[in-house]
Structure formats: C-alpha cells, structure tokens
Amino acid sequence: MNNPIELVKNPDKTWTLYYFGQEVGYISKRPKMQGNYDTYRGVSVHGAIVWTGSLESARSALLAEYH
C-alpha cells in the first residue's frame, strides 16, 4: 500500500503537502530568527496559517487543519 501522505519539494524550495492526492497546503522555511532556530510556515488550502519549529511539525499541523 502506498502512503496516502506525500510531501513534495518544489523548485522554489517550498513544499506541497498532499493527502490521498488532494492538496492540503504549502510549507516554506523562514530565515533563522532570534534564538537561531529554523521556523516553518504552513498555509492550508482552507486559509489556516501555522508556525512550527520543524518541517515534520508543519506537516502534522497542516494535516490537522485539513477537512
């Protein structure tokens, strides 16, 4: 069985998240901010915006927003 969740890296260095072939949202890595840690911003196809500290967390947060 294939994994129903697919995270595809785009040429512009963002990611598109798919669930069973349907777009869930987009993730971009933000420049390091104060505290010297990475930040990821996810935007769902329904307009929700999530900020996380890892790509995996952004993926999970977008999936939680998908309905």
PDB file of N, CA and C in Angstrom:
ATOM      1  N   MET A   1       0.841  -1.180   0.000  1.00  0.00           N
ATOM      2  CA  MET A   1       0.000   0.000   0.000  1.00  0.00           C
ATOM      3  C   MET A   1       0.885   1.242   0.000  1.00  0.00           C
ATOM      4  N   ASN A   2       0.538   2.204  -0.826  1.00  0.00           N
ATOM      5  CA  ASN A   2       1.274   3.466  -0.875  1.00  0.00           C
ATOM      6  C   ASN A   2       0.854   4.354   0.278  1.00  0.00           C
ATOM      7  N   ASN A   3       1.771   5.218   0.698  1.00  0.00           N
ATOM      8  CA  ASN A   3       1.478   6.166   1.765  1.00  0.00           C
ATOM      9  C   ASN A   3       0.513   7.230   1.230  1.00  0.00           C
ATOM     10  N   PRO A   4      -0.603   7.483   1.909  1.00  0.00           N
ATOM     11  CA  PRO A   4      -1.559   8.485   1.431  1.00  0.00           C
ATOM     12  C   PRO A   4      -1.076   9.921   1.626  1.00  0.00           C
ATOM     13  N   ILE A   5      -0.004  10.103   2.417  1.00  0.00           N
ATOM     14  CA  ILE A   5       0.534  11.438   2.679  1.00  0.00           C
ATOM     15  C   ILE A   5       1.815  11.613   1.872  1.00  0.00           C
ATOM     16  N   GLU A   6       1.853  12.666   1.067  1.00  0.00           N
ATOM     17  CA  GLU A   6       3.029  12.923   0.232  1.00  0.00           C
ATOM     18  C   GLU A   6       3.452  14.381   0.398  1.00  0.00           C
ATOM     19  N   LEU A   7       4.727  14.595   0.668  1.00  0.00           N
ATOM     20  CA  LEU A   7       5.300  15.928   0.791  1.00  0.00           C
ATOM     21  C   LEU A   7       6.291  16.101  -0.353  1.00  0.00           C
ATOM     22  N   VAL A   8       6.002  17.024  -1.256  1.00  0.00           N
ATOM     23  CA  VAL A   8       6.789  17.209  -2.477  1.00  0.00           C
ATOM     24  C   VAL A   8       7.544  18.525  -2.397  1.00  0.00           C
ATOM     25  N   LYS A   9       8.864  18.473  -2.607  1.00  0.00           N
ATOM     26  CA  LYS A   9       9.665  19.705  -2.618  1.00  0.00           C
ATOM     27  C   LYS A   9       9.532  20.354  -3.988  1.00  0.00           C
ATOM     28  N   ASN A  10       9.233  21.636  -3.982  1.00  0.00           N
ATOM     29  CA  ASN A  10       9.043  22.408  -5.210  1.00  0.00           C
ATOM     30  C   ASN A  10      10.349  23.082  -5.631  1.00  0.00           C
ATOM     31  N   PRO A  11      10.462  23.482  -6.902  1.00  0.00           N
ATOM     32  CA  PRO A  11      11.681  24.155  -7.373  1.00  0.00           C
ATOM     33  C   PRO A  11      12.001  25.438  -6.608  1.00  0.00           C
ATOM     34  N   ASP A  12      10.980  26.097  -6.041  1.00  0.00           N
ATOM     35  CA  ASP A  12      11.214  27.349  -5.311  1.00  0.00           C
ATOM     36  C   ASP A  12      11.571  27.118  -3.840  1.00  0.00           C
ATOM     37  N   LYS A  13      11.905  25.873  -3.487  1.00  0.00           N
ATOM     38  CA  LYS A  13      12.337  25.467  -2.146  1.00  0.00           C
ATOM     39  C   LYS A  13      11.204  25.506  -1.117  1.00  0.00           C
ATOM     40  N   THR A  14       9.966  25.432  -1.567  1.00  0.00           N
ATOM     41  CA  THR A  14       8.821  25.235  -0.685  1.00  0.00           C
ATOM     42  C   THR A  14       8.389  23.781  -0.841  1.00  0.00           C
ATOM     43  N   TRP A  15       7.398  23.372  -0.052  1.00  0.00           N
ATOM     44  CA  TRP A  15       6.864  22.018  -0.148  1.00  0.00           C
ATOM     45  C   TRP A  15       5.357  22.100  -0.339  1.00  0.00           C
ATOM     46  N   THR A  16       4.819  21.154  -1.089  1.00  0.00           N
ATOM     47  CA  THR A  16       3.375  20.995  -1.213  1.00  0.00           C
ATOM     48  C   THR A  16       3.006  19.683  -0.549  1.00  0.00           C
ATOM     49  N   LEU A  17       1.989  19.727   0.296  1.00  0.00           N
ATOM     50  CA  LEU A  17       1.546  18.547   1.031  1.00  0.00           C
ATOM     51  C   LEU A  17       0.258  18.019   0.401  1.00  0.00           C
ATOM     52  N   TYR A  18       0.242  16.706   0.136  1.00  0.00           N
ATOM     53  CA  TYR A  18      -0.914  16.037  -0.448  1.00  0.00           C
ATOM     54  C   TYR A  18      -1.399  14.939   0.490  1.00  0.00           C
ATOM     55  N   TYR A  19      -2.708  14.736   0.503  1.00  0.00           N
ATOM     56  CA  TYR A  19      -3.327  13.647   1.256  1.00  0.00           C
ATOM     57  C   TYR A  19      -4.288  12.944   0.303  1.00  0.00           C
ATOM     58  N   PHE A  20      -3.996  11.686   0.006  1.00  0.00           N
ATOM     59  CA  PHE A  20      -4.752  10.919  -0.995  1.00  0.00           C
ATOM     60  C   PHE A  20      -4.864  11.701  -2.307  1.00  0.00           C
ATOM     61  N   GLY A  21      -3.769  12.348  -2.713  1.00  0.00           N
ATOM     62  CA  GLY A  21      -3.713  13.059  -3.984  1.00  0.00           C
ATOM     63  C   GLY A  21      -4.332  14.449  -3.982  1.00  0.00           C
ATOM     64  N   GLN A  22      -4.924  14.858  -2.867  1.00  0.00           N
ATOM     65  CA  GLN A  22      -5.539  16.182  -2.765  1.00  0.00           C
ATOM     66  C   GLN A  22      -4.588  17.136  -2.048  1.00  0.00           C
ATOM     67  N   GLU A  23      -4.460  18.360  -2.568  1.00  0.00           N
ATOM     68  CA  GLU A  23      -3.596  19.344  -1.920  1.00  0.00           C
ATOM     69  C   GLU A  23      -4.138  19.707  -0.547  1.00  0.00           C
ATOM     70  N   VAL A  24      -3.257  19.674   0.434  1.00  0.00           N
ATOM     71  CA  VAL A  24      -3.600  20.042   1.807  1.00  0.00           C
ATOM     72  C   VAL A  24      -3.098  21.443   2.105  1.00  0.00           C
ATOM     73  N   GLY A  25      -1.891  21.760   1.620  1.00  0.00           N
ATOM     74  CA  GLY A  25      -1.321  23.071   1.885  1.00  0.00           C
ATOM     75  C   GLY A  25       0.115  23.153   1.430  1.00  0.00           C
ATOM     76  N   TYR A  26       0.747  24.242   1.847  1.00  0.00           N
ATOM     77  CA  TYR A  26       2.098  24.564   1.402  1.00  0.00           C
ATOM     78  C   TYR A  26       2.938  24.932   2.616  1.00  0.00           C
ATOM     79  N   ILE A  27       4.215  24.598   2.550  1.00  0.00           N
ATOM     80  CA  ILE A  27       5.134  24.875   3.652  1.00  0.00           C
ATOM     81  C   ILE A  27       6.351  25.603   3.102  1.00  0.00           C
ATOM     82  N   SER A  28       6.781  26.627   3.830  1.00  0.00           N
ATOM     83  CA  SER A  28       8.012  27.320   3.466  1.00  0.00           C
ATOM     84  C   SER A  28       8.885  27.454   4.711  1.00  0.00           C
ATOM     85  N   LYS A  29      10.189  27.406   4.498  1.00  0.00           N
ATOM     86  CA  LYS A  29      11.148  27.588   5.583  1.00  0.00           C
ATOM     87  C   LYS A  29      11.479  29.070   5.662  1.00  0.00           C
ATOM     88  N   ARG A  30      11.375  29.602   6.845  1.00  0.00           N
ATOM     89  CA  ARG A  30      11.650  31.014   7.062  1.00  0.00           C
ATOM     90  C   ARG A  30      13.096  31.185   7.499  1.00  0.00           C
ATOM     91  N   PRO A  31      13.683  32.344   7.245  1.00  0.00           N
ATOM     92  CA  PRO A  31      15.052  32.589   7.699  1.00  0.00           C
ATOM     93  C   PRO A  31      15.158  32.455   9.215  1.00  0.00           C
ATOM     94  N   LYS A  32      16.346  32.117   9.685  1.00  0.00           N
ATOM     95  CA  LYS A  32      16.566  31.997  11.134  1.00  0.00           C
ATOM     96  C   LYS A  32      16.281  33.334  11.789  1.00  0.00           C
ATOM     97  N   MET A  33      15.574  33.260  12.901  1.00  0.00           N
ATOM     98  CA  MET A  33      15.191  34.464  13.621  1.00  0.00           C
ATOM     99  C   MET A  33      16.009  34.528  14.917  1.00  0.00           C
ATOM    100  N   GLN A  34      15.635  35.399  15.817  1.00  0.00           N
ATOM    101  CA  GLN A  34      16.319  35.462  17.110  1.00  0.00           C
ATOM    102  C   GLN A  34      16.233  34.106  17.785  1.00  0.00           C
ATOM    103  N   GLY A  35      17.260  33.709  18.448  1.00  0.00           N
ATOM    104  CA  GLY A  35      17.309  32.392  19.061  1.00  0.00           C
ATOM    105  C   GLY A  35      17.964  31.383  18.135  1.00  0.00           C
ATOM    106  N   ASN A  36      18.216  31.793  16.883  1.00  0.00           N
ATOM    107  CA  ASN A  36      18.980  30.994  15.929  1.00  0.00           C
ATOM    108  C   ASN A  36      18.354  29.622  15.649  1.00  0.00           C
ATOM    109  N   TYR A  37      17.052  29.566  15.489  1.00  0.00           N
ATOM    110  CA  TYR A  37      16.396  28.305  15.152  1.00  0.00           C
ATOM    111  C   TYR A  37      15.535  28.479  13.900  1.00  0.00           C
ATOM    112  N   ASP A  38      15.317  27.378  13.197  1.00  0.00           N
ATOM    113  CA  ASP A  38      14.515  27.404  11.978  1.00  0.00           C
ATOM    114  C   ASP A  38      13.034  27.538  12.324  1.00  0.00           C
ATOM    115  N   THR A  39      12.314  28.193  11.449  1.00  0.00           N
ATOM    116  CA  THR A  39      10.875  28.329  11.585  1.00  0.00           C
ATOM    117  C   THR A  39      10.240  27.957  10.248  1.00  0.00           C
ATOM    118  N   TYR A  40       9.158  27.215  10.328  1.00  0.00           N
ATOM    119  CA  TYR A  40       8.434  26.811   9.134  1.00  0.00           C
ATOM    120  C   TYR A  40       7.025  27.386   9.192  1.00  0.00           C
ATOM    121  N   ARG A  41       6.572  27.907   8.056  1.00  0.00           N
ATOM    122  CA  ARG A  41       5.217  28.441   7.963  1.00  0.00           C
ATOM    123  C   ARG A  41       4.428  27.553   7.015  1.00  0.00           C
ATOM    124  N   GLY A  42       3.300  27.077   7.506  1.00  0.00           N
ATOM    125  CA  GLY A  42       2.410  26.287   6.671  1.00  0.00           C
ATOM    126  C   GLY A  42       1.127  27.049   6.427  1.00  0.00           C
ATOM    127  N   VAL A  43       0.620  26.950   5.207  1.00  0.00           N
ATOM    128  CA  VAL A  43      -0.648  27.574   4.848  1.00  0.00           C
ATOM    129  C   VAL A  43      -1.526  26.489   4.248  1.00  0.00           C
ATOM    130  N   SER A  44      -2.689  26.275   4.861  1.00  0.00           N
ATOM    131  CA  SER A  44      -3.588  25.229   4.371  1.00  0.00           C
ATOM    132  C   SER A  44      -4.417  25.752   3.202  1.00  0.00           C
ATOM    133  N   VAL A  45      -4.991  24.831   2.445  1.00  0.00           N
ATOM    134  CA  VAL A  45      -5.858  25.232   1.337  1.00  0.00           C
ATOM    135  C   VAL A  45      -7.128  25.907   1.846  1.00  0.00           C
ATOM    136  N   HIS A  46      -7.415  25.789   3.142  1.00  0.00           N
ATOM    137  CA  HIS A  46      -8.584  26.426   3.742  1.00  0.00           C
ATOM    138  C   HIS A  46      -8.235  27.763   4.394  1.00  0.00           C
ATOM    139  N   GLY A  47      -6.967  28.188   4.291  1.00  0.00           N
ATOM    140  CA  GLY A  47      -6.565  29.500   4.778  1.00  0.00           C
ATOM    141  C   GLY A  47      -5.940  29.544   6.159  1.00  0.00           C
ATOM    142  N   ALA A  48      -5.823  28.405   6.827  1.00  0.00           N
ATOM    143  CA  ALA A  48      -5.180  28.384   8.147  1.00  0.00           C
ATOM    144  C   ALA A  48      -3.672  28.571   7.993  1.00  0.00           C
ATOM    145  N   ILE A  49      -3.069  29.307   8.905  1.00  0.00           N
ATOM    146  CA  ILE A  49      -1.623  29.516   8.914  1.00  0.00           C
ATOM    147  C   ILE A  49      -1.068  28.922  10.192  1.00  0.00           C
ATOM    148  N   VAL A  50      -0.017  28.124  10.058  1.00  0.00           N
ATOM    149  CA  VAL A  50       0.628  27.507  11.219  1.00  0.00           C
ATOM    150  C   VAL A  50       2.112  27.863  11.202  1.00  0.00           C
ATOM    151  N   TRP A  51       2.675  28.071  12.377  1.00  0.00           N
ATOM    152  CA  TRP A  51       4.111  28.327  12.548  1.00  0.00           C
ATOM    153  C   TRP A  51       4.668  27.221  13.424  1.00  0.00           C
ATOM    154  N   THR A  52       5.738  26.582  12.978  1.00  0.00           N
ATOM    155  CA  THR A  52       6.320  25.479  13.737  1.00  0.00           C
ATOM    156  C   THR A  52       7.835  25.553  13.690  1.00  0.00           C
ATOM    157  N   GLY A  53       8.469  24.686  14.466  1.00  0.00           N
ATOM    158  CA  GLY A  53       9.922  24.647  14.523  1.00  0.00           C
ATOM    159  C   GLY A  53      10.558  23.559  13.674  1.00  0.00           C
ATOM    160  N   SER A  54       9.738  22.766  12.969  1.00  0.00           N
ATOM    161  CA  SER A  54      10.305  21.717  12.104  1.00  0.00           C
ATOM    162  C   SER A  54       9.371  21.443  10.933  1.00  0.00           C
ATOM    163  N   LEU A  55       9.926  20.876   9.895  1.00  0.00           N
ATOM    164  CA  LEU A  55       9.142  20.510   8.720  1.00  0.00           C
ATOM    165  C   LEU A  55       8.100  19.461   9.089  1.00  0.00           C
ATOM    166  N   GLU A  56       8.482  18.481   9.895  1.00  0.00           N
ATOM    167  CA  GLU A  56       7.554  17.428  10.316  1.00  0.00           C
ATOM    168  C   GLU A  56       6.394  18.000  11.121  1.00  0.00           C
ATOM    169  N   SER A  57       6.670  18.953  11.992  1.00  0.00           N
ATOM    170  CA  SER A  57       5.598  19.587  12.771  1.00  0.00           C
ATOM    171  C   SER A  57       4.652  20.383  11.873  1.00  0.00           C
ATOM    172  N   ALA A  58       5.204  21.049  10.878  1.00  0.00           N
ATOM    173  CA  ALA A  58       4.371  21.801   9.938  1.00  0.00           C
ATOM    174  C   ALA A  58       3.474  20.846   9.153  1.00  0.00           C
ATOM    175  N   ARG A  59       4.023  19.726   8.738  1.00  0.00           N
ATOM    176  CA  ARG A  59       3.244  18.713   8.015  1.00  0.00           C
ATOM    177  C   ARG A  59       2.084  18.222   8.885  1.00  0.00           C
ATOM    178  N   SER A  60       2.375  17.891  10.125  1.00  0.00           N
ATOM    179  CA  SER A  60       1.345  17.401  11.042  1.00  0.00           C
ATOM    180  C   SER A  60       0.278  18.461  11.312  1.00  0.00           C
ATOM    181  N   ALA A  61       0.708  19.698  11.506  1.00  0.00           N
ATOM    182  CA  ALA A  61      -0.227  20.779  11.785  1.00  0.00           C
ATOM    183  C   ALA A  61      -1.163  21.033  10.590  1.00  0.00           C
ATOM    184  N   LEU A  62      -0.619  20.968   9.387  1.00  0.00           N
ATOM    185  CA  LEU A  62      -1.473  21.166   8.206  1.00  0.00           C
ATOM    186  C   LEU A  62      -2.468  20.023   8.049  1.00  0.00           C
ATOM    187  N   LEU A  63      -2.010  18.808   8.318  1.00  0.00           N
ATOM    188  CA  LEU A  63      -2.932  17.666   8.236  1.00  0.00           C
ATOM    189  C   LEU A  63      -4.060  17.811   9.253  1.00  0.00           C
ATOM    190  N   ALA A  64      -3.758  18.353  10.425  1.00  0.00           N
ATOM    191  CA  ALA A  64      -4.774  18.552  11.452  1.00  0.00           C
ATOM    192  C   ALA A  64      -5.797  19.605  11.028  1.00  0.00           C
ATOM    193  N   GLU A  65      -5.387  20.539  10.166  1.00  0.00           N
ATOM    194  CA  GLU A  65      -6.288  21.595   9.687  1.00  0.00           C
ATOM    195  C   GLU A  65      -7.128  21.157   8.491  1.00  0.00           C
ATOM    196  N   TYR A  66      -6.779  20.026   7.890  1.00  0.00           N
ATOM    197  CA  TYR A  66      -7.455  19.565   6.677  1.00  0.00           C
ATOM    198  C   TYR A  66      -8.804  18.955   7.012  1.00  0.00           C
ATOM    199  N   HIS A  67      -9.829  19.358   6.277  1.00  0.00           N
ATOM    200  CA  HIS A  67     -11.171  18.791   6.488  1.00  0.00           C
ATOM    201  C   HIS A  67     -11.921  18.699   5.184  1.00  0.00           C
TER     202      HIS A  67
END
